[in-house]
Structure formats: C-alpha cells, structure tokens
C-alpha atoms as a PDB file:
ATOM      1  CA  MET A   1      44.525 -60.338 -22.657  1.00  0.00           C
ATOM      2  CA  HIS A   2      47.951 -60.027 -21.051  1.00  0.00           C
ATOM      3  CA  VAL A   3      49.370 -57.607 -23.604  1.00  0.00           C
ATOM      4  CA  LEU A   4      52.736 -56.969 -21.994  1.00  0.00           C
ATOM      5  CA  GLN A   5      53.337 -60.669 -21.358  1.00  0.00           C
ATOM      6  CA  ASP A   6      52.451 -61.470 -24.986  1.00  0.00           C
ATOM      7  CA  ILE A   7      54.832 -58.771 -26.241  1.00  0.00           C
ATOM      8  CA  LEU A   8      57.691 -60.099 -24.133  1.00  0.00           C
ATOM      9  CA  GLU A   9      57.064 -63.687 -25.238  1.00  0.00           C
ATOM     10  CA  ALA A  10      57.199 -62.640 -28.897  1.00  0.00           C
ATOM     11  CA  ARG A  11      60.287 -60.509 -28.265  1.00  0.00           C
ATOM     12  CA  ASP A  12      62.110 -63.312 -26.468  1.00  0.00           C
ATOM     13  CA  PHE A  13      61.334 -65.777 -29.257  1.00  0.00           C
ATOM     14  CA  ILE A  14      62.693 -63.394 -31.886  1.00  0.00           C
ATOM     15  CA  MET A  15      65.745 -62.537 -29.765  1.00  0.00           C
ATOM     16  CA  SER A  16      66.582 -66.235 -29.507  1.00  0.00           C
ATOM     17  CA  LYS A  17      67.252 -66.152 -33.271  1.00  0.00           C
ATOM     18  CA  LEU A  18      69.415 -63.006 -33.250  1.00  0.00           C
ATOM     19  CA  ASP A  19      72.915 -61.854 -32.424  1.00  0.00           C
ATOM     20  CA  ASP A  20      72.169 -58.113 -32.596  1.00  0.00           C
ATOM     21  CA  ARG A  21      69.064 -56.154 -31.682  1.00  0.00           C
ATOM     22  CA  PRO A  22      67.543 -54.109 -34.514  1.00  0.00           C
ATOM     23  CA  THR A  23      67.315 -50.337 -34.086  1.00  0.00           C
ATOM     24  CA  ILE A  24      65.231 -49.511 -37.185  1.00  0.00           C
ATOM     25  CA  GLY A  25      61.877 -51.058 -38.056  1.00  0.00           C
ATOM     26  CA  LEU A  26      60.228 -51.306 -41.478  1.00  0.00           C
ATOM     27  CA  ILE A  27      56.617 -52.080 -42.327  1.00  0.00           C
ATOM     28  CA  LEU A  28      56.424 -52.927 -46.033  1.00  0.00           C
ATOM     29  CA  GLY A  29      53.150 -52.332 -47.858  1.00  0.00           C
ATOM     30  CA  SER A  30      51.479 -54.060 -50.806  1.00  0.00           C
ATOM     31  CA  GLY A  31      53.995 -54.861 -53.526  1.00  0.00           C
ATOM     32  CA  LEU A  32      56.832 -53.213 -51.579  1.00  0.00           C
ATOM     33  CA  GLY A  33      58.143 -56.286 -49.768  1.00  0.00           C
ATOM     34  CA  ILE A  34      61.043 -56.420 -52.226  1.00  0.00           C
ATOM     35  CA  LEU A  35      62.979 -54.130 -49.888  1.00  0.00           C
ATOM     36  CA  ALA A  36      63.325 -57.062 -47.483  1.00  0.00           C
ATOM     37  CA  ASP A  37      65.288 -58.893 -50.202  1.00  0.00           C
ATOM     38  CA  GLU A  38      67.990 -56.215 -49.879  1.00  0.00           C
ATOM     39  CA  ILE A  39      68.677 -57.098 -46.239  1.00  0.00           C
ATOM     40  CA  GLU A  40      72.050 -58.820 -45.792  1.00  0.00           C
ATOM     41  CA  ASN A  41      72.826 -61.723 -43.446  1.00  0.00           C
ATOM     42  CA  ALA A  42      69.085 -62.003 -43.116  1.00  0.00           C
ATOM     43  CA  ILE A  43      67.189 -64.168 -40.679  1.00  0.00           C
ATOM     44  CA  THR A  44      63.640 -64.846 -41.876  1.00  0.00           C
ATOM     45  CA  ILE A  45      60.961 -65.844 -39.383  1.00  0.00           C
ATOM     46  CA  PRO A  46      57.450 -66.751 -40.605  1.00  0.00           C
ATOM     47  CA  TYR A  47      54.739 -64.975 -38.653  1.00  0.00           C
ATOM     48  CA  SER A  48      53.180 -68.356 -37.941  1.00  0.00           C
ATOM     49  CA  GLU A  49      56.173 -69.213 -35.733  1.00  0.00           C
ATOM     50  CA  ILE A  50      56.128 -66.038 -33.643  1.00  0.00           C
ATOM     51  CA  PRO A  51      54.003 -66.226 -30.488  1.00  0.00           C
ATOM     52  CA  HIS A  52      50.827 -64.114 -30.701  1.00  0.00           C
ATOM     53  CA  PHE A  53      51.467 -62.833 -34.260  1.00  0.00           C
ATOM     54  CA  ALA A  54      48.533 -62.847 -36.661  1.00  0.00           C
ATOM     55  CA  LYS A  55      48.821 -63.818 -40.321  1.00  0.00           C
ATOM     56  CA  SER A  56      47.738 -61.588 -43.215  1.00  0.00           C
ATOM     57  CA  LYS A  57      45.846 -63.019 -46.157  1.00  0.00           C
ATOM     58  CA  ALA A  58      46.157 -59.860 -48.258  1.00  0.00           C
ATOM     59  CA  ILE A  59      47.619 -60.242 -51.748  1.00  0.00           C
ATOM     60  CA  GLY A  60      51.213 -59.031 -51.942  1.00  0.00           C
ATOM     61  CA  HIS A  61      52.025 -59.758 -48.291  1.00  0.00           C
ATOM     62  CA  ALA A  62      54.488 -62.552 -47.504  1.00  0.00           C
ATOM     63  CA  ASN A  63      53.911 -62.964 -43.747  1.00  0.00           C
ATOM     64  CA  GLU A  64      57.581 -62.928 -42.783  1.00  0.00           C
ATOM     65  CA  LEU A  65      59.752 -60.994 -40.373  1.00  0.00           C
ATOM     66  CA  VAL A  66      63.167 -60.344 -41.921  1.00  0.00           C
ATOM     67  CA  ILE A  67      66.029 -59.192 -39.688  1.00  0.00           C
ATOM     68  CA  GLY A  68      69.566 -58.318 -40.722  1.00  0.00           C
ATOM     69  CA  GLN A  69      71.858 -55.585 -42.026  1.00  0.00           C
ATOM     70  CA  LEU A  70      70.858 -52.781 -44.373  1.00  0.00           C
ATOM     71  CA  LYS A  71      73.243 -49.920 -45.084  1.00  0.00           C
ATOM     72  CA  GLY A  72      75.251 -50.781 -41.990  1.00  0.00           C
ATOM     73  CA  LYS A  73      72.233 -50.743 -39.643  1.00  0.00           C
ATOM     74  CA  THR A  74      70.460 -53.675 -38.029  1.00  0.00           C
ATOM     75  CA  VAL A  75      66.858 -53.579 -39.198  1.00  0.00           C
ATOM     76  CA  VAL A  76      63.711 -55.614 -38.715  1.00  0.00           C
ATOM     77  CA  ALA A  77      61.246 -55.633 -41.605  1.00  0.00           C
ATOM     78  CA  MET A  78      57.642 -56.781 -41.716  1.00  0.00           C
ATOM     79  CA  LYS A  79      57.275 -58.339 -45.159  1.00  0.00           C
ATOM     80  CA  GLY A  80      53.523 -58.040 -45.086  1.00  0.00           C
ATOM     81  CA  ARG A  81      51.262 -56.316 -42.591  1.00  0.00           C
ATOM     82  CA  PHE A  82      47.885 -56.954 -40.980  1.00  0.00           C
ATOM     83  CA  HIS A  83      44.849 -54.922 -41.992  1.00  0.00           C
ATOM     84  CA  TYR A  84      41.766 -53.952 -40.022  1.00  0.00           C
ATOM     85  CA  TYR A  85      39.609 -54.923 -43.028  1.00  0.00           C
ATOM     86  CA  GLU A  86      40.762 -58.538 -42.749  1.00  0.00           C
ATOM     87  CA  GLY A  87      38.872 -58.806 -39.482  1.00  0.00           C
ATOM     88  CA  PHE A  88      41.850 -58.425 -37.176  1.00  0.00           C
ATOM     89  CA  THR A  89      41.455 -56.349 -34.058  1.00  0.00           C
ATOM     90  CA  LEU A  90      43.561 -53.214 -33.880  1.00  0.00           C
ATOM     91  CA  ASP A  91      45.536 -54.882 -31.095  1.00  0.00           C
ATOM     92  CA  GLU A  92      46.460 -57.616 -33.589  1.00  0.00           C
ATOM     93  CA  VAL A  93      47.187 -55.096 -36.343  1.00  0.00           C
ATOM     94  CA  THR A  94      49.592 -53.140 -34.154  1.00  0.00           C
ATOM     95  CA  PHE A  95      51.073 -55.957 -32.048  1.00  0.00           C
ATOM     96  CA  PRO A  96      54.233 -56.187 -34.225  1.00  0.00           C
ATOM     97  CA  VAL A  97      54.945 -52.505 -33.539  1.00  0.00           C
ATOM     98  CA  ARG A  98      54.845 -53.196 -29.803  1.00  0.00           C
ATOM     99  CA  VAL A  99      57.240 -56.098 -30.330  1.00  0.00           C
ATOM    100  CA  MET A 100      59.592 -53.931 -32.392  1.00  0.00           C
ATOM    101  CA  LYS A 101      59.707 -51.413 -29.565  1.00  0.00           C
ATOM    102  CA  ALA A 102      60.497 -54.215 -27.108  1.00  0.00           C
ATOM    103  CA  LEU A 103      63.313 -55.310 -29.428  1.00  0.00           C
ATOM    104  CA  ASN A 104      64.873 -51.831 -29.068  1.00  0.00           C
ATOM    105  CA  VAL A 105      63.616 -50.243 -32.310  1.00  0.00           C
ATOM    106  CA  GLU A 106      63.556 -46.443 -32.019  1.00  0.00           C
ATOM    107  CA  GLU A 107      62.787 -45.407 -35.619  1.00  0.00           C
ATOM    108  CA  LEU A 108      59.931 -46.934 -37.593  1.00  0.00           C
ATOM    109  CA  ILE A 109      59.546 -46.484 -41.358  1.00  0.00           C
ATOM    110  CA  ILE A 110      55.989 -47.288 -42.421  1.00  0.00           C
ATOM    111  CA  THR A 111      55.237 -47.727 -46.116  1.00  0.00           C
ATOM    112  CA  ASN A 112      52.026 -48.332 -47.994  1.00  0.00           C
ATOM    113  CA  ALA A 113      50.462 -48.465 -51.427  1.00  0.00           C
ATOM    114  CA  CYS A 114      47.506 -46.108 -51.676  1.00  0.00           C
ATOM    115  CA  GLY A 115      45.324 -43.958 -53.925  1.00  0.00           C
ATOM    116  CA  ALA A 116      46.032 -40.352 -54.851  1.00  0.00           C
ATOM    117  CA  VAL A 117      43.301 -37.868 -53.935  1.00  0.00           C
ATOM    118  CA  ASN A 118      45.267 -34.744 -54.817  1.00  0.00           C
ATOM    119  CA  THR A 119      44.809 -34.261 -58.575  1.00  0.00           C
ATOM    120  CA  ASP A 120      48.297 -32.720 -58.848  1.00  0.00           C
ATOM    121  CA  PHE A 121      49.730 -36.150 -58.011  1.00  0.00           C
ATOM    122  CA  GLN A 122      49.933 -39.119 -60.360  1.00  0.00           C
ATOM    123  CA  PRO A 123      50.316 -42.904 -60.122  1.00  0.00           C
ATOM    124  CA  GLY A 124      53.926 -43.856 -59.535  1.00  0.00           C
ATOM    125  CA  ASP A 125      54.675 -40.856 -57.310  1.00  0.00           C
ATOM    126  CA  LEU A 126      56.071 -41.354 -53.828  1.00  0.00           C
ATOM    127  CA  MET A 127      54.518 -39.259 -51.057  1.00  0.00           C
ATOM    128  CA  LEU A 128      56.031 -38.336 -47.731  1.00  0.00           C
ATOM    129  CA  ILE A 129      53.265 -38.412 -45.130  1.00  0.00           C
ATOM    130  CA  SER A 130      53.123 -35.097 -43.280  1.00  0.00           C
ATOM    131  CA  ASP A 131      50.041 -35.895 -41.211  1.00  0.00           C
ATOM    132  CA  HIS A 132      46.996 -38.141 -41.256  1.00  0.00           C
ATOM    133  CA  ILE A 133      43.224 -38.134 -40.877  1.00  0.00           C
ATOM    134  CA  ASN A 134      41.553 -41.047 -39.114  1.00  0.00           C
ATOM    135  CA  LEU A 135      38.255 -41.780 -40.887  1.00  0.00           C
ATOM    136  CA  VAL A 136      37.621 -45.169 -39.302  1.00  0.00           C
ATOM    137  CA  ALA A 137      35.967 -43.953 -36.090  1.00  0.00           C
ATOM    138  CA  THR A 138      38.131 -46.113 -33.864  1.00  0.00           C
ATOM    139  CA  ASN A 139      41.640 -45.999 -32.437  1.00  0.00           C
ATOM    140  CA  PRO A 140      44.152 -48.708 -31.473  1.00  0.00           C
ATOM    141  CA  LEU A 141      44.692 -47.026 -28.098  1.00  0.00           C
ATOM    142  CA  ILE A 142      41.076 -47.427 -26.955  1.00  0.00           C
ATOM    143  CA  GLY A 143      40.827 -49.558 -23.826  1.00  0.00           C
ATOM    144  CA  SER A 144      42.766 -49.777 -20.604  1.00  0.00           C
ATOM    145  CA  ASN A 145      46.203 -48.168 -20.835  1.00  0.00           C
ATOM    146  CA  ASN A 146      49.411 -49.880 -19.744  1.00  0.00           C
ATOM    147  CA  ASP A 147      51.733 -47.119 -18.539  1.00  0.00           C
ATOM    148  CA  GLU A 148      54.731 -49.348 -19.279  1.00  0.00           C
ATOM    149  CA  LEU A 149      53.837 -49.145 -22.969  1.00  0.00           C
ATOM    150  CA  GLY A 150      53.004 -45.432 -23.162  1.00  0.00           C
ATOM    151  CA  THR A 151      51.074 -42.522 -21.711  1.00  0.00           C
ATOM    152  CA  ARG A 152      47.271 -42.524 -21.529  1.00  0.00           C
ATOM    153  CA  PHE A 153      46.920 -39.402 -23.704  1.00  0.00           C
ATOM    154  CA  PRO A 154      49.768 -39.260 -26.240  1.00  0.00           C
ATOM    155  CA  ASP A 155      50.563 -36.063 -28.117  1.00  0.00           C
ATOM    156  CA  VAL A 156      49.972 -36.577 -31.840  1.00  0.00           C
ATOM    157  CA  SER A 157      50.847 -33.078 -33.059  1.00  0.00           C
ATOM    158  CA  LYS A 158      53.933 -34.523 -34.793  1.00  0.00           C
ATOM    159  CA  VAL A 159      53.155 -38.169 -35.523  1.00  0.00           C
ATOM    160  CA  TYR A 160      55.491 -38.172 -38.534  1.00  0.00           C
ATOM    161  CA  ASN A 161      58.851 -37.068 -37.159  1.00  0.00           C
ATOM    162  CA  PRO A 162      60.065 -33.748 -38.650  1.00  0.00           C
ATOM    163  CA  GLU A 163      63.729 -34.779 -38.433  1.00  0.00           C
ATOM    164  CA  LEU A 164      63.126 -38.026 -40.334  1.00  0.00           C
ATOM    165  CA  ARG A 165      61.026 -36.187 -42.908  1.00  0.00           C
ATOM    166  CA  SER A 166      63.883 -33.722 -43.445  1.00  0.00           C
ATOM    167  CA  ILE A 167      66.286 -36.620 -43.976  1.00  0.00           C
ATOM    168  CA  ALA A 168      63.919 -38.219 -46.506  1.00  0.00           C
ATOM    169  CA  THR A 169      63.547 -34.921 -48.379  1.00  0.00           C
ATOM    170  CA  LYS A 170      67.325 -34.472 -48.504  1.00  0.00           C
ATOM    171  CA  VAL A 171      67.875 -38.017 -49.777  1.00  0.00           C
ATOM    172  CA  ALA A 172      65.141 -37.644 -52.411  1.00  0.00           C
ATOM    173  CA  ASN A 173      66.720 -34.407 -53.672  1.00  0.00           C
ATOM    174  CA  GLU A 174      70.139 -36.060 -53.883  1.00  0.00           C
ATOM    175  CA  GLN A 175      68.657 -38.972 -55.830  1.00  0.00           C
ATOM    176  CA  ASN A 176      66.543 -36.736 -58.102  1.00  0.00           C
ATOM    177  CA  ILE A 177      63.384 -38.460 -56.909  1.00  0.00           C
ATOM    178  CA  THR A 178      60.156 -36.473 -56.968  1.00  0.00           C
ATOM    179  CA  LEU A 179      58.810 -36.816 -53.440  1.00  0.00           C
ATOM    180  CA  GLN A 180      55.359 -35.385 -52.872  1.00  0.00           C
ATOM    181  CA  ASN A 181      54.249 -34.259 -49.414  1.00  0.00           C
ATOM    182  CA  GLY A 182      50.750 -34.783 -48.175  1.00  0.00           C
ATOM    183  CA  VAL A 183      48.117 -35.866 -45.685  1.00  0.00           C
ATOM    184  CA  TYR A 184      47.128 -39.538 -45.630  1.00  0.00           C
ATOM    185  CA  ALA A 185      43.536 -40.541 -44.840  1.00  0.00           C
ATOM    186  CA  TRP A 186      42.887 -43.948 -43.273  1.00  0.00           C
ATOM    187  CA  TRP A 187      39.895 -45.764 -44.788  1.00  0.00           C
ATOM    188  CA  SER A 188      38.781 -49.091 -43.332  1.00  0.00           C
ATOM    189  CA  GLY A 189      38.217 -50.877 -46.647  1.00  0.00           C
ATOM    190  CA  PRO A 190      38.049 -53.466 -48.045  1.00  0.00           C
ATOM    191  CA  ALA A 191      35.796 -51.755 -50.597  1.00  0.00           C
ATOM    192  CA  TYR A 192      37.433 -48.842 -52.354  1.00  0.00           C
ATOM    193  CA  GLU A 193      35.915 -45.434 -51.736  1.00  0.00           C
ATOM    194  CA  THR A 194      32.971 -44.136 -53.759  1.00  0.00           C
ATOM    195  CA  PRO A 195      33.407 -40.980 -55.848  1.00  0.00           C
ATOM    196  CA  ALA A 196      31.326 -39.066 -53.280  1.00  0.00           C
ATOM    197  CA  GLU A 197      33.526 -40.326 -50.471  1.00  0.00           C
ATOM    198  CA  ILE A 198      36.669 -39.245 -52.339  1.00  0.00           C
ATOM    199  CA  LEU A 199      35.157 -35.780 -52.762  1.00  0.00           C
ATOM    200  CA  MET A 200      34.549 -35.705 -49.009  1.00  0.00           C
ATOM    201  CA  ILE A 201      38.101 -36.878 -48.292  1.00  0.00           C
ATOM    202  CA  ARG A 202      39.599 -34.216 -50.551  1.00  0.00           C
ATOM    203  CA  THR A 203      37.380 -31.553 -48.956  1.00  0.00           C
ATOM    204  CA  LEU A 204      38.651 -32.620 -45.519  1.00  0.00           C
ATOM    205  CA  GLY A 205      42.209 -31.950 -46.658  1.00  0.00           C
ATOM    206  CA  ALA A 206      43.680 -35.347 -47.508  1.00  0.00           C
ATOM    207  CA  ASP A 207      46.037 -35.896 -50.433  1.00  0.00           C
ATOM    208  CA  ALA A 208      45.957 -39.702 -50.446  1.00  0.00           C
ATOM    209  CA  VAL A 209      43.798 -42.471 -49.038  1.00  0.00           C
ATOM    210  CA  GLY A 210      44.634 -46.015 -47.964  1.00  0.00           C
ATOM    211  CA  MET A 211      43.663 -48.881 -45.677  1.00  0.00           C
ATOM    212  CA  SER A 212      46.623 -49.063 -43.286  1.00  0.00           C
ATOM    213  CA  THR A 213      49.461 -47.107 -41.624  1.00  0.00           C
ATOM    214  CA  VAL A 214      47.510 -44.938 -39.162  1.00  0.00           C
ATOM    215  CA  PRO A 215      47.018 -47.639 -36.491  1.00  0.00           C
ATOM    216  CA  GLU A 216      50.701 -48.591 -36.576  1.00  0.00           C
ATOM    217  CA  ALA A 217      51.787 -44.948 -36.490  1.00  0.00           C
ATOM    218  CA  LEU A 218      49.589 -44.174 -33.477  1.00  0.00           C
ATOM    219  CA  VAL A 219      50.888 -47.146 -31.509  1.00  0.00           C
ATOM    220  CA  ALA A 220      54.483 -46.265 -32.431  1.00  0.00           C
ATOM    221  CA  VAL A 221      54.025 -42.719 -31.146  1.00  0.00           C
ATOM    222  CA  HIS A 222      52.378 -44.117 -28.014  1.00  0.00           C
ATOM    223  CA  GLY A 223      55.589 -46.109 -27.512  1.00  0.00           C
ATOM    224  CA  ASN A 224      57.728 -42.990 -28.056  1.00  0.00           C
ATOM    225  CA  MET A 225      59.115 -44.172 -31.404  1.00  0.00           C
ATOM    226  CA  LYS A 226      60.047 -41.846 -34.246  1.00  0.00           C
ATOM    227  CA  VAL A 227      57.869 -42.485 -37.302  1.00  0.00           C
ATOM    228  CA  LEU A 228      58.459 -41.872 -41.006  1.00  0.00           C
ATOM    229  CA  GLY A 229      55.624 -42.582 -43.435  1.00  0.00           C
ATOM    230  CA  ILE A 230      56.113 -43.081 -47.185  1.00  0.00           C
ATOM    231  CA  SER A 231      53.242 -43.817 -49.574  1.00  0.00           C
ATOM    232  CA  CYS A 232      53.510 -45.271 -53.053  1.00  0.00           C
ATOM    233  CA  LEU A 233      50.653 -43.706 -55.012  1.00  0.00           C
ATOM    234  CA  THR A 234      49.504 -46.583 -57.189  1.00  0.00           C
ATOM    235  CA  ASN A 235      46.303 -45.165 -58.671  1.00  0.00           C
ATOM    236  CA  MET A 236      44.087 -42.117 -58.786  1.00  0.00           C
ATOM    237  CA  ALA A 237      41.295 -42.509 -56.261  1.00  0.00           C
ATOM    238  CA  CYS A 238      37.784 -43.408 -57.391  1.00  0.00           C
ATOM    239  CA  GLY A 239      35.941 -40.808 -59.440  1.00  0.00           C
ATOM    240  CA  ILE A 240      39.017 -38.828 -60.502  1.00  0.00           C
ATOM    241  CA  LEU A 241      39.427 -40.907 -63.645  1.00  0.00           C
ATOM    242  CA  ASP A 242      36.551 -42.715 -65.322  1.00  0.00           C
ATOM    243  CA  GLN A 243      37.919 -46.207 -64.789  1.00  0.00           C
ATOM    244  CA  PRO A 244      37.407 -49.032 -62.293  1.00  0.00           C
ATOM    245  CA  LEU A 245      39.905 -49.768 -59.511  1.00  0.00           C
ATOM    246  CA  ASN A 246      41.478 -53.145 -58.810  1.00  0.00           C
ATOM    247  CA  HIS A 247      44.205 -54.526 -56.577  1.00  0.00           C
ATOM    248  CA  ASP A 248      46.213 -55.922 -59.507  1.00  0.00           C
ATOM    249  CA  GLU A 249      46.846 -52.319 -60.574  1.00  0.00           C
ATOM    250  CA  VAL A 250      48.131 -51.507 -57.091  1.00  0.00           C
ATOM    251  CA  ILE A 251      50.659 -54.344 -57.209  1.00  0.00           C
ATOM    252  CA  GLU A 252      51.667 -53.538 -60.805  1.00  0.00           C
ATOM    253  CA  VAL A 253      52.397 -49.850 -60.174  1.00  0.00           C
ATOM    254  CA  ALA A 254      54.197 -50.610 -56.905  1.00  0.00           C
ATOM    255  CA  GLY A 255      56.426 -52.947 -58.909  1.00  0.00           C
ATOM    256  CA  LYS A 256      57.198 -50.270 -61.487  1.00  0.00           C
ATOM    257  CA  VAL A 257      58.425 -47.769 -58.888  1.00  0.00           C
ATOM    258  CA  LYS A 258      60.241 -50.312 -56.744  1.00  0.00           C
ATOM    259  CA  MET A 259      63.741 -49.141 -57.673  1.00  0.00           C
ATOM    260  CA  LYS A 260      63.265 -45.529 -56.634  1.00  0.00           C
ATOM    261  CA  PHE A 261      61.406 -46.699 -53.546  1.00  0.00           C
ATOM    262  CA  LEU A 262      64.302 -49.003 -52.655  1.00  0.00           C
ATOM    263  CA  GLU A 263      66.919 -46.321 -53.172  1.00  0.00           C
ATOM    264  CA  LEU A 264      64.987 -43.741 -51.177  1.00  0.00           C
ATOM    265  CA  VAL A 265      64.440 -45.969 -48.150  1.00  0.00           C
ATOM    266  CA  LYS A 266      67.999 -47.290 -48.210  1.00  0.00           C
ATOM    267  CA  GLY A 267      69.290 -43.735 -48.408  1.00  0.00           C
ATOM    268  CA  VAL A 268      67.176 -42.720 -45.431  1.00  0.00           C
ATOM    269  CA  ILE A 269      68.397 -45.679 -43.382  1.00  0.00           C
ATOM    270  CA  GLU A 270      71.995 -44.793 -44.197  1.00  0.00           C
ATOM    271  CA  GLU A 271      71.424 -41.228 -42.946  1.00  0.00           C
ATOM    272  CA  ILE A 272      69.605 -42.118 -39.704  1.00  0.00           C
END
C-alpha cells in the first residue's frame, strides 16, 4: 500500500474543489453531523468520490466531507466517520486524518457519542476528553513507519492538547454549559459492553466508553496535529441502570443536546 501516494491523491482531488485550504478539522460523531450544516459557503464532497476514502454504514453518519467557513475560519468536517467495528482496517479508519494534515489542518476537533461510566455524569452531559485508554489491543501506528508522516515513537503524554482544552473550558464557562472532564476508553464494539466489562473499565480509571476517537487521535498526534476531544454522553453504560442499551437512544440524546454542542464547538473555533 502506497500510503503517502494515496494521501496526496486524495488531497489533490479535494484541493481541486477548493479556493482556500482548511486549517481546522472536525470529525463529527453519531447524531452530531448537524454541525456541518452550520458551515457557510460549503462545498460537500461524498466520500465515494474521494480517492481511497472508505464509506461508513453506521447509522447517523452521512458519508460527506463538508468544507467552508465557520466563525471566520476555513474548516473541513467529516460528516460521518469510519469505525473499526465495521470491518475497516485502522489505516482506513484514520486515512481522512492523514488527508486533513496534508490539506494543512493543524487543529483537529474529534467528537463522539458514547456511554458514561462515571456515575456522577448523566446522559446529555458533554465531556472534555483529558486522556484515553486503549482497550482494543491494537494501534493504528503498527507497521512500517513513514518518517514523512511522523516519528516512529510518538509522545502521547498530552494527546488532547492542554491549550485547546483550556479554550474549551473557557468557552463552556462563558456559555454556562456544564462540561465534564474525563478519560475516554476505546472499546472495539459493535456489541455494547457487559456489566462486568464496565466494572473493569471504571476500575481502570475511565469515565466514558465508546467505539471511536482513539485511532484518529493517535494518528493526528503522530502527524503533529493539536487534538481536542469532546464526547456527548448519550447513555449510562451497561449495568449502571437496569435497562437495555440501543443505538436509537444514542441518536435521540445526541439530538437533544445538539444546540449546546453546536454553540460550544463554534465558540472554540472562534477562539482558536
């Protein structure tokens, strides 16, 4: 696989549609794609048209790249992401991040919908990701390393950029939004976690659990991008409440908190 060549081909195709290069990237999680509708003078490119892009089949993901102006900044938004549980390789999952870097993106805001493990949190809360735990026993950086893309052994002591987290905290305070802080655990899915697994995850120190974000964040850091992670807590994780979990609930709760999510992310972009 000629990774660098594939990245450049995708970049060049996207650039052929643009007048300005984006500087901020957005990955929009389940039910959160509405933020892309706020982008002005938008150019929408279906993933199916972009060389080497995969196509998600997950519910709530539109499979479109949306590029334009948001709060005076040129942004590129993934309206729908790829998940490891869909059978994609981690190279496919993270390929759009590599392309964003090639487009000149320096800051990447990654969002997701996930389950709350911390019992002090509740559905509808937003959580700023302070760190993560990789529970999937693999890593998107495994394999031969291309030094043009990043160093062989990247430092991950500060995956989620402290400066961007400070900006998000400031914006949330100004908007009177309750913004939790916590550790995100990456679970492969597609089955939700068992109650015993949630107990393990809480014991390990995680505050929330989901099926995305960590691969993209690792590849972004490998490419020397600044990462901000924001989770929409759509449900209490399995075993905390005596009720079954389903994806419809995830989409429904994400929809209910969409306005404060929109305002928070737009405020952050304005401050970057």
